[in-house]
């Protein structure tokens, strides 16, 4: 949820480090595989439009390592075109009521060249669709499909039955005054903490070379040592 807060605040899902590695490539390492939470993080980044290099020896090695750790479905997903992406359903002739709705391509089915998708509705219906009726629609802070708030030390996820409802909810938060604005001081602090934790996990060599856009870094004030002089 903390990564979601960062992305909602405008963090770049496609940041690269000093060696040109993407966020997804940095997650595909033994240390992260050992933790066991790689799949959810990669899927989140994919839905927000994070890119990755799908060729080259290093990329093939990343996929090979993923399979060795048992992440076969994740490797299949990364090898496909729309795997993990947020998409909009278009030109569905047999079920035209689905046209315009968004979904997430959760699983690639290589035998049939189809995707198992989950609709972005409160019911979260699961369908199997052909790629020719799916069009990428990456999440953005204004069009994220669902919304996560951080209040009183807890994260609250809001789901909607349509993108219009979600966009109206976000617009209302942004226009509801200083005390109820979408980007509260509490959520900013939580996002900054999440960024610090993520960078610490990646290590000094793998951390991005530039700060997350949309998250302002707070300068720490250094306290001067010594006793205060009395007037």
C-alpha atoms as a PDB file:
ATOM      1  CA  UNK A   1       0.000   0.000   0.000  1.00  0.00           C
ATOM      2  CA  UNK A   2       2.892   2.385   0.683  1.00  0.00           C
ATOM      3  CA  UNK A   3       4.180   1.990  -2.868  1.00  0.00           C
ATOM      4  CA  UNK A   4       0.676   2.829  -4.077  1.00  0.00           C
ATOM      5  CA  UNK A   5       0.727   6.018  -1.981  1.00  0.00           C
ATOM      6  CA  UNK A   6       3.999   7.028  -3.622  1.00  0.00           C
ATOM      7  CA  UNK A   7       2.588   6.474  -7.102  1.00  0.00           C
ATOM      8  CA  UNK A   8      -0.619   8.375  -6.279  1.00  0.00           C
ATOM      9  CA  UNK A   9       1.540  11.301  -5.161  1.00  0.00           C
ATOM     10  CA  UNK A  10       3.237  11.371  -8.564  1.00  0.00           C
ATOM     11  CA  UNK A  11       6.279   9.122  -8.112  1.00  0.00           C
ATOM     12  CA  UNK A  12       7.730   7.974 -11.432  1.00  0.00           C
ATOM     13  CA  UNK A  13       7.095   4.239 -11.887  1.00  0.00           C
ATOM     14  CA  UNK A  14       9.691   4.199 -14.653  1.00  0.00           C
ATOM     15  CA  UNK A  15      12.720   5.533 -12.786  1.00  0.00           C
ATOM     16  CA  UNK A  16      16.140   4.111 -13.687  1.00  0.00           C
ATOM     17  CA  UNK A  17      19.242   3.987 -11.546  1.00  0.00           C
ATOM     18  CA  UNK A  18      22.717   5.172 -12.533  1.00  0.00           C
ATOM     19  CA  UNK A  19      23.278   1.943 -14.478  1.00  0.00           C
ATOM     20  CA  UNK A  20      20.079   2.390 -16.476  1.00  0.00           C
ATOM     21  CA  UNK A  21      18.202  -0.428 -14.737  1.00  0.00           C
ATOM     22  CA  UNK A  22      14.445  -0.046 -14.363  1.00  0.00           C
ATOM     23  CA  UNK A  23      12.550  -0.441 -11.086  1.00  0.00           C
ATOM     24  CA  UNK A  24      11.305  -3.862 -12.192  1.00  0.00           C
ATOM     25  CA  UNK A  25      14.789  -5.071 -13.060  1.00  0.00           C
ATOM     26  CA  UNK A  26      16.008  -4.002  -9.624  1.00  0.00           C
ATOM     27  CA  UNK A  27      13.264  -6.065  -7.995  1.00  0.00           C
ATOM     28  CA  UNK A  28      14.227  -9.217  -9.920  1.00  0.00           C
ATOM     29  CA  UNK A  29      17.187 -10.158  -7.737  1.00  0.00           C
ATOM     30  CA  UNK A  30      17.905 -12.984  -5.288  1.00  0.00           C
ATOM     31  CA  UNK A  31      17.535 -10.758  -2.222  1.00  0.00           C
ATOM     32  CA  UNK A  32      14.022  -9.728  -3.240  1.00  0.00           C
ATOM     33  CA  UNK A  33      13.049 -13.227  -4.372  1.00  0.00           C
ATOM     34  CA  UNK A  34      14.062 -14.521  -0.954  1.00  0.00           C
ATOM     35  CA  UNK A  35      11.681 -12.060   0.732  1.00  0.00           C
ATOM     36  CA  UNK A  36       8.793 -13.475  -1.280  1.00  0.00           C
ATOM     37  CA  UNK A  37       6.933 -10.239  -2.148  1.00  0.00           C
ATOM     38  CA  UNK A  38       8.360  -9.620  -5.629  1.00  0.00           C
ATOM     39  CA  UNK A  39       5.249 -10.521  -7.617  1.00  0.00           C
ATOM     40  CA  UNK A  40       2.903  -7.998  -5.993  1.00  0.00           C
ATOM     41  CA  UNK A  41       5.410  -5.152  -6.357  1.00  0.00           C
ATOM     42  CA  UNK A  42       6.177  -5.929  -9.998  1.00  0.00           C
ATOM     43  CA  UNK A  43       2.471  -6.213 -10.825  1.00  0.00           C
ATOM     44  CA  UNK A  44       1.789  -2.860  -9.171  1.00  0.00           C
ATOM     45  CA  UNK A  45       4.545  -1.163 -11.179  1.00  0.00           C
ATOM     46  CA  UNK A  46       3.317  -2.757 -14.412  1.00  0.00           C
ATOM     47  CA  UNK A  47      -0.214  -1.422 -13.871  1.00  0.00           C
ATOM     48  CA  UNK A  48       1.264   2.073 -13.441  1.00  0.00           C
ATOM     49  CA  UNK A  49       3.172   1.823 -16.736  1.00  0.00           C
ATOM     50  CA  UNK A  50       6.651   0.834 -15.589  1.00  0.00           C
ATOM     51  CA  UNK A  51       8.732  -0.411 -18.521  1.00  0.00           C
ATOM     52  CA  UNK A  52      11.389  -3.074 -18.766  1.00  0.00           C
ATOM     53  CA  UNK A  53      13.874  -4.366 -21.323  1.00  0.00           C
ATOM     54  CA  UNK A  54      12.475  -7.498 -22.924  1.00  0.00           C
ATOM     55  CA  UNK A  55      15.620  -8.648 -24.686  1.00  0.00           C
ATOM     56  CA  UNK A  56      19.336  -9.024 -24.041  1.00  0.00           C
ATOM     57  CA  UNK A  57      21.392 -11.477 -21.994  1.00  0.00           C
ATOM     58  CA  UNK A  58      20.800  -9.676 -18.690  1.00  0.00           C
ATOM     59  CA  UNK A  59      17.036  -9.719 -19.122  1.00  0.00           C
ATOM     60  CA  UNK A  60      17.040 -13.423 -20.020  1.00  0.00           C
ATOM     61  CA  UNK A  61      19.102 -14.037 -16.892  1.00  0.00           C
ATOM     62  CA  UNK A  62      16.540 -12.120 -14.792  1.00  0.00           C
ATOM     63  CA  UNK A  63      13.708 -14.286 -16.126  1.00  0.00           C
ATOM     64  CA  UNK A  64      15.755 -17.439 -15.598  1.00  0.00           C
ATOM     65  CA  UNK A  65      16.408 -16.466 -11.964  1.00  0.00           C
ATOM     66  CA  UNK A  66      12.705 -15.752 -11.471  1.00  0.00           C
ATOM     67  CA  UNK A  67      11.819 -19.248 -12.696  1.00  0.00           C
ATOM     68  CA  UNK A  68      14.496 -20.810 -10.485  1.00  0.00           C
ATOM     69  CA  UNK A  69      12.821 -19.181  -7.489  1.00  0.00           C
ATOM     70  CA  UNK A  70       9.447 -20.561  -8.595  1.00  0.00           C
ATOM     71  CA  UNK A  71       8.012 -17.376 -10.126  1.00  0.00           C
ATOM     72  CA  UNK A  72       6.888 -19.108 -13.343  1.00  0.00           C
ATOM     73  CA  UNK A  73       3.633 -17.161 -13.761  1.00  0.00           C
ATOM     74  CA  UNK A  74       5.453 -13.873 -13.179  1.00  0.00           C
ATOM     75  CA  UNK A  75       8.075 -14.792 -15.795  1.00  0.00           C
ATOM     76  CA  UNK A  76       5.315 -15.691 -18.303  1.00  0.00           C
ATOM     77  CA  UNK A  77       3.634 -12.372 -17.497  1.00  0.00           C
ATOM     78  CA  UNK A  78       6.813 -10.377 -18.163  1.00  0.00           C
ATOM     79  CA  UNK A  79       7.413 -12.177 -21.457  1.00  0.00           C
ATOM     80  CA  UNK A  80       3.945 -11.222 -22.743  1.00  0.00           C
ATOM     81  CA  UNK A  81       2.943  -7.878 -24.240  1.00  0.00           C
ATOM     82  CA  UNK A  82       0.070  -6.916 -21.911  1.00  0.00           C
ATOM     83  CA  UNK A  83       0.878  -9.038 -18.870  1.00  0.00           C
ATOM     84  CA  UNK A  84       0.276  -7.129 -15.635  1.00  0.00           C
ATOM     85  CA  UNK A  85      -0.925  -4.047 -17.483  1.00  0.00           C
ATOM     86  CA  UNK A  86      -4.034  -2.080 -16.761  1.00  0.00           C
ATOM     87  CA  UNK A  87      -6.153  -2.181 -19.917  1.00  0.00           C
ATOM     88  CA  UNK A  88      -9.399  -0.879 -21.327  1.00  0.00           C
ATOM     89  CA  UNK A  89     -11.789  -3.288 -23.052  1.00  0.00           C
ATOM     90  CA  UNK A  90     -12.589  -2.227 -26.616  1.00  0.00           C
ATOM     91  CA  UNK A  91     -14.652  -3.702 -29.476  1.00  0.00           C
ATOM     92  CA  UNK A  92     -16.071  -6.626 -27.487  1.00  0.00           C
ATOM     93  CA  UNK A  93     -18.791  -7.730 -29.913  1.00  0.00           C
ATOM     94  CA  UNK A  94     -20.472 -10.438 -27.823  1.00  0.00           C
ATOM     95  CA  UNK A  95     -20.554  -8.376 -24.607  1.00  0.00           C
ATOM     96  CA  UNK A  96     -20.687  -4.723 -25.678  1.00  0.00           C
ATOM     97  CA  UNK A  97     -21.588  -3.653 -22.125  1.00  0.00           C
ATOM     98  CA  UNK A  98     -17.951  -4.344 -21.198  1.00  0.00           C
ATOM     99  CA  UNK A  99     -16.563  -1.847 -23.703  1.00  0.00           C
ATOM    100  CA  UNK A 100     -14.920   1.090 -21.940  1.00  0.00           C
ATOM    101  CA  UNK A 101     -14.428  -0.777 -18.667  1.00  0.00           C
ATOM    102  CA  UNK A 102     -10.912  -1.214 -17.327  1.00  0.00           C
ATOM    103  CA  UNK A 103      -9.247  -4.342 -16.051  1.00  0.00           C
ATOM    104  CA  UNK A 104      -5.849  -5.721 -15.084  1.00  0.00           C
ATOM    105  CA  UNK A 105      -4.261  -8.544 -17.089  1.00  0.00           C
ATOM    106  CA  UNK A 106      -3.360 -10.759 -14.129  1.00  0.00           C
ATOM    107  CA  UNK A 107      -2.223 -13.854 -15.988  1.00  0.00           C
ATOM    108  CA  UNK A 108      -1.035 -14.712 -19.492  1.00  0.00           C
ATOM    109  CA  UNK A 109      -2.289 -18.012 -20.939  1.00  0.00           C
ATOM    110  CA  UNK A 110       0.355 -18.997 -23.521  1.00  0.00           C
ATOM    111  CA  UNK A 111      -1.564 -22.030 -24.801  1.00  0.00           C
ATOM    112  CA  UNK A 112      -4.430 -19.878 -26.092  1.00  0.00           C
ATOM    113  CA  UNK A 113      -2.625 -16.503 -26.289  1.00  0.00           C
ATOM    114  CA  UNK A 114      -5.251 -14.978 -23.994  1.00  0.00           C
ATOM    115  CA  UNK A 115      -5.250 -13.092 -20.713  1.00  0.00           C
ATOM    116  CA  UNK A 116      -7.091 -13.762 -17.490  1.00  0.00           C
ATOM    117  CA  UNK A 117      -8.204 -10.305 -16.397  1.00  0.00           C
ATOM    118  CA  UNK A 118      -9.892  -8.824 -13.326  1.00  0.00           C
ATOM    119  CA  UNK A 119     -12.415  -6.053 -13.905  1.00  0.00           C
ATOM    120  CA  UNK A 120     -11.924  -2.829 -11.958  1.00  0.00           C
ATOM    121  CA  UNK A 121     -15.321  -2.951 -10.312  1.00  0.00           C
ATOM    122  CA  UNK A 122     -16.444  -3.653  -6.768  1.00  0.00           C
ATOM    123  CA  UNK A 123     -17.392  -7.199  -7.829  1.00  0.00           C
ATOM    124  CA  UNK A 124     -13.919  -7.795  -9.369  1.00  0.00           C
ATOM    125  CA  UNK A 125     -15.224 -10.250 -11.975  1.00  0.00           C
ATOM    126  CA  UNK A 126     -12.592 -12.442 -13.649  1.00  0.00           C
ATOM    127  CA  UNK A 127     -12.721 -12.965 -17.430  1.00  0.00           C
ATOM    128  CA  UNK A 128     -10.569 -14.553 -20.130  1.00  0.00           C
ATOM    129  CA  UNK A 129     -10.096 -12.156 -23.061  1.00  0.00           C
ATOM    130  CA  UNK A 130      -8.207 -12.007 -26.335  1.00  0.00           C
ATOM    131  CA  UNK A 131      -5.427  -9.391 -26.591  1.00  0.00           C
ATOM    132  CA  UNK A 132      -7.010  -7.752 -29.645  1.00  0.00           C
ATOM    133  CA  UNK A 133      -9.827  -6.293 -27.508  1.00  0.00           C
ATOM    134  CA  UNK A 134      -7.482  -4.977 -24.822  1.00  0.00           C
ATOM    135  CA  UNK A 135      -5.874  -1.549 -24.989  1.00  0.00           C
ATOM    136  CA  UNK A 136      -3.312  -0.354 -22.460  1.00  0.00           C
ATOM    137  CA  UNK A 137      -4.514   2.334 -20.079  1.00  0.00           C
ATOM    138  CA  UNK A 138      -1.803   2.859 -17.473  1.00  0.00           C
ATOM    139  CA  UNK A 139      -2.752   4.199 -14.079  1.00  0.00           C
ATOM    140  CA  UNK A 140      -2.110   7.885 -13.358  1.00  0.00           C
ATOM    141  CA  UNK A 141      -2.691   9.948 -10.185  1.00  0.00           C
ATOM    142  CA  UNK A 142      -5.901  11.293 -11.794  1.00  0.00           C
ATOM    143  CA  UNK A 143      -7.004   7.937 -13.265  1.00  0.00           C
ATOM    144  CA  UNK A 144      -5.861   5.188 -10.914  1.00  0.00           C
ATOM    145  CA  UNK A 145      -8.925   2.898 -10.895  1.00  0.00           C
ATOM    146  CA  UNK A 146      -8.978   2.713  -7.089  1.00  0.00           C
ATOM    147  CA  UNK A 147      -7.738   5.029  -4.378  1.00  0.00           C
ATOM    148  CA  UNK A 148      -5.763   4.453  -1.189  1.00  0.00           C
ATOM    149  CA  UNK A 149      -5.949   6.877   1.732  1.00  0.00           C
ATOM    150  CA  UNK A 150      -3.723   6.924   4.794  1.00  0.00           C
ATOM    151  CA  UNK A 151      -5.613   8.033   7.902  1.00  0.00           C
ATOM    152  CA  UNK A 152      -4.857   7.627  11.590  1.00  0.00           C
ATOM    153  CA  UNK A 153      -2.026   5.215  10.883  1.00  0.00           C
ATOM    154  CA  UNK A 154      -4.167   2.981   8.645  1.00  0.00           C
ATOM    155  CA  UNK A 155      -4.471   2.526   4.886  1.00  0.00           C
ATOM    156  CA  UNK A 156      -7.993   2.518   3.450  1.00  0.00           C
ATOM    157  CA  UNK A 157      -8.652   1.303  -0.088  1.00  0.00           C
ATOM    158  CA  UNK A 158     -11.605   2.703  -2.034  1.00  0.00           C
ATOM    159  CA  UNK A 159     -12.956   0.648  -4.958  1.00  0.00           C
ATOM    160  CA  UNK A 160     -15.434   1.915  -7.533  1.00  0.00           C
ATOM    161  CA  UNK A 161     -17.782   0.528 -10.178  1.00  0.00           C
ATOM    162  CA  UNK A 162     -16.541   2.912 -12.865  1.00  0.00           C
ATOM    163  CA  UNK A 163     -13.532   5.075 -13.681  1.00  0.00           C
ATOM    164  CA  UNK A 164     -15.787   8.110 -13.688  1.00  0.00           C
ATOM    165  CA  UNK A 165     -16.719   7.423 -10.050  1.00  0.00           C
ATOM    166  CA  UNK A 166     -13.043   7.106  -9.129  1.00  0.00           C
ATOM    167  CA  UNK A 167     -12.097  10.314 -10.938  1.00  0.00           C
ATOM    168  CA  UNK A 168     -14.988  12.178  -9.303  1.00  0.00           C
ATOM    169  CA  UNK A 169     -13.865  10.919  -5.875  1.00  0.00           C
ATOM    170  CA  UNK A 170     -10.309  12.156  -6.446  1.00  0.00           C
ATOM    171  CA  UNK A 171     -11.531  15.482  -7.818  1.00  0.00           C
ATOM    172  CA  UNK A 172     -13.742  15.943  -4.747  1.00  0.00           C
ATOM    173  CA  UNK A 173     -10.791  15.262  -2.445  1.00  0.00           C
ATOM    174  CA  UNK A 174      -8.651  17.772  -4.300  1.00  0.00           C
ATOM    175  CA  UNK A 175     -11.375  20.423  -4.111  1.00  0.00           C
ATOM    176  CA  UNK A 176     -12.501  19.783  -0.539  1.00  0.00           C
ATOM    177  CA  UNK A 177     -10.296  22.321   1.167  1.00  0.00           C
ATOM    178  CA  UNK A 178      -7.003  22.229   3.017  1.00  0.00           C
ATOM    179  CA  UNK A 179      -8.063  19.796   5.755  1.00  0.00           C
ATOM    180  CA  UNK A 180      -9.498  17.149   3.400  1.00  0.00           C
ATOM    181  CA  UNK A 181      -7.253  17.474   0.368  1.00  0.00           C
ATOM    182  CA  UNK A 182      -6.106  14.284  -1.404  1.00  0.00           C
ATOM    183  CA  UNK A 183      -2.442  14.774  -0.569  1.00  0.00           C
ATOM    184  CA  UNK A 184      -2.462  15.245   3.185  1.00  0.00           C
ATOM    185  CA  UNK A 185       0.589  15.853   5.314  1.00  0.00           C
ATOM    186  CA  UNK A 186       0.066  12.426   6.848  1.00  0.00           C
ATOM    187  CA  UNK A 187       0.066  10.669   3.465  1.00  0.00           C
ATOM    188  CA  UNK A 188       3.117  12.671   2.368  1.00  0.00           C
ATOM    189  CA  UNK A 189       4.985  11.540   5.478  1.00  0.00           C
ATOM    190  CA  UNK A 190       3.967   7.916   4.879  1.00  0.00           C
ATOM    191  CA  UNK A 191       5.086   8.127   1.244  1.00  0.00           C
ATOM    192  CA  UNK A 192       8.437   9.622   2.195  1.00  0.00           C
ATOM    193  CA  UNK A 193       8.949   6.840   4.736  1.00  0.00           C
ATOM    194  CA  UNK A 194       8.075   4.245   2.072  1.00  0.00           C
ATOM    195  CA  UNK A 195      10.583   5.789  -0.325  1.00  0.00           C
ATOM    196  CA  UNK A 196      13.306   5.684   2.313  1.00  0.00           C
ATOM    197  CA  UNK A 197      12.549   2.046   3.125  1.00  0.00           C
ATOM    198  CA  UNK A 198      12.544   1.062  -0.545  1.00  0.00           C
ATOM    199  CA  UNK A 199      15.877   2.753  -1.205  1.00  0.00           C
ATOM    200  CA  UNK A 200      17.355   1.065   1.866  1.00  0.00           C
ATOM    201  CA  UNK A 201      16.201  -2.328   0.583  1.00  0.00           C
ATOM    202  CA  UNK A 202      17.683  -1.768  -2.875  1.00  0.00           C
ATOM    203  CA  UNK A 203      21.032  -0.743  -1.428  1.00  0.00           C
ATOM    204  CA  UNK A 204      23.359   2.138  -2.363  1.00  0.00           C
ATOM    205  CA  UNK A 205      24.377   0.650  -5.711  1.00  0.00           C
ATOM    206  CA  UNK A 206      20.835  -0.058  -6.899  1.00  0.00           C
ATOM    207  CA  UNK A 207      18.999   3.029  -5.664  1.00  0.00           C
ATOM    208  CA  UNK A 208      17.679   5.499  -8.276  1.00  0.00           C
ATOM    209  CA  UNK A 209      19.996   8.374  -9.112  1.00  0.00           C
ATOM    210  CA  UNK A 210      17.238  10.997  -8.811  1.00  0.00           C
ATOM    211  CA  UNK A 211      14.533  11.522  -6.148  1.00  0.00           C
ATOM    212  CA  UNK A 212      10.934  10.505  -6.728  1.00  0.00           C
ATOM    213  CA  UNK A 213       9.064  13.229  -8.582  1.00  0.00           C
ATOM    214  CA  UNK A 214       6.062  14.520  -6.707  1.00  0.00           C
ATOM    215  CA  UNK A 215       7.525  13.778  -3.280  1.00  0.00           C
ATOM    216  CA  UNK A 216       9.353  16.716  -1.813  1.00  0.00           C
ATOM    217  CA  UNK A 217      12.341  15.815   0.260  1.00  0.00           C
ATOM    218  CA  UNK A 218      12.400  17.558   3.616  1.00  0.00           C
ATOM    219  CA  UNK A 219      15.685  19.034   4.650  1.00  0.00           C
ATOM    220  CA  UNK A 220      16.706  18.039   8.138  1.00  0.00           C
ATOM    221  CA  UNK A 221      17.736  20.833  10.416  1.00  0.00           C
ATOM    222  CA  UNK A 222      21.014  20.183  12.163  1.00  0.00           C
ATOM    223  CA  UNK A 223      21.107  21.092  15.808  1.00  0.00           C
ATOM    224  CA  UNK A 224      24.169  22.925  16.887  1.00  0.00           C
ATOM    225  CA  UNK A 225      26.014  21.316  19.762  1.00  0.00           C
ATOM    226  CA  UNK A 226      27.053  23.022  22.950  1.00  0.00           C
ATOM    227  CA  UNK A 227      25.153  24.729  25.684  1.00  0.00           C
ATOM    228  CA  UNK A 228      22.876  27.633  25.023  1.00  0.00           C
ATOM    229  CA  UNK A 229      24.069  30.937  26.333  1.00  0.00           C
ATOM    230  CA  UNK A 230      21.762  32.682  28.736  1.00  0.00           C
ATOM    231  CA  UNK A 231      21.008  36.293  28.118  1.00  0.00           C
END
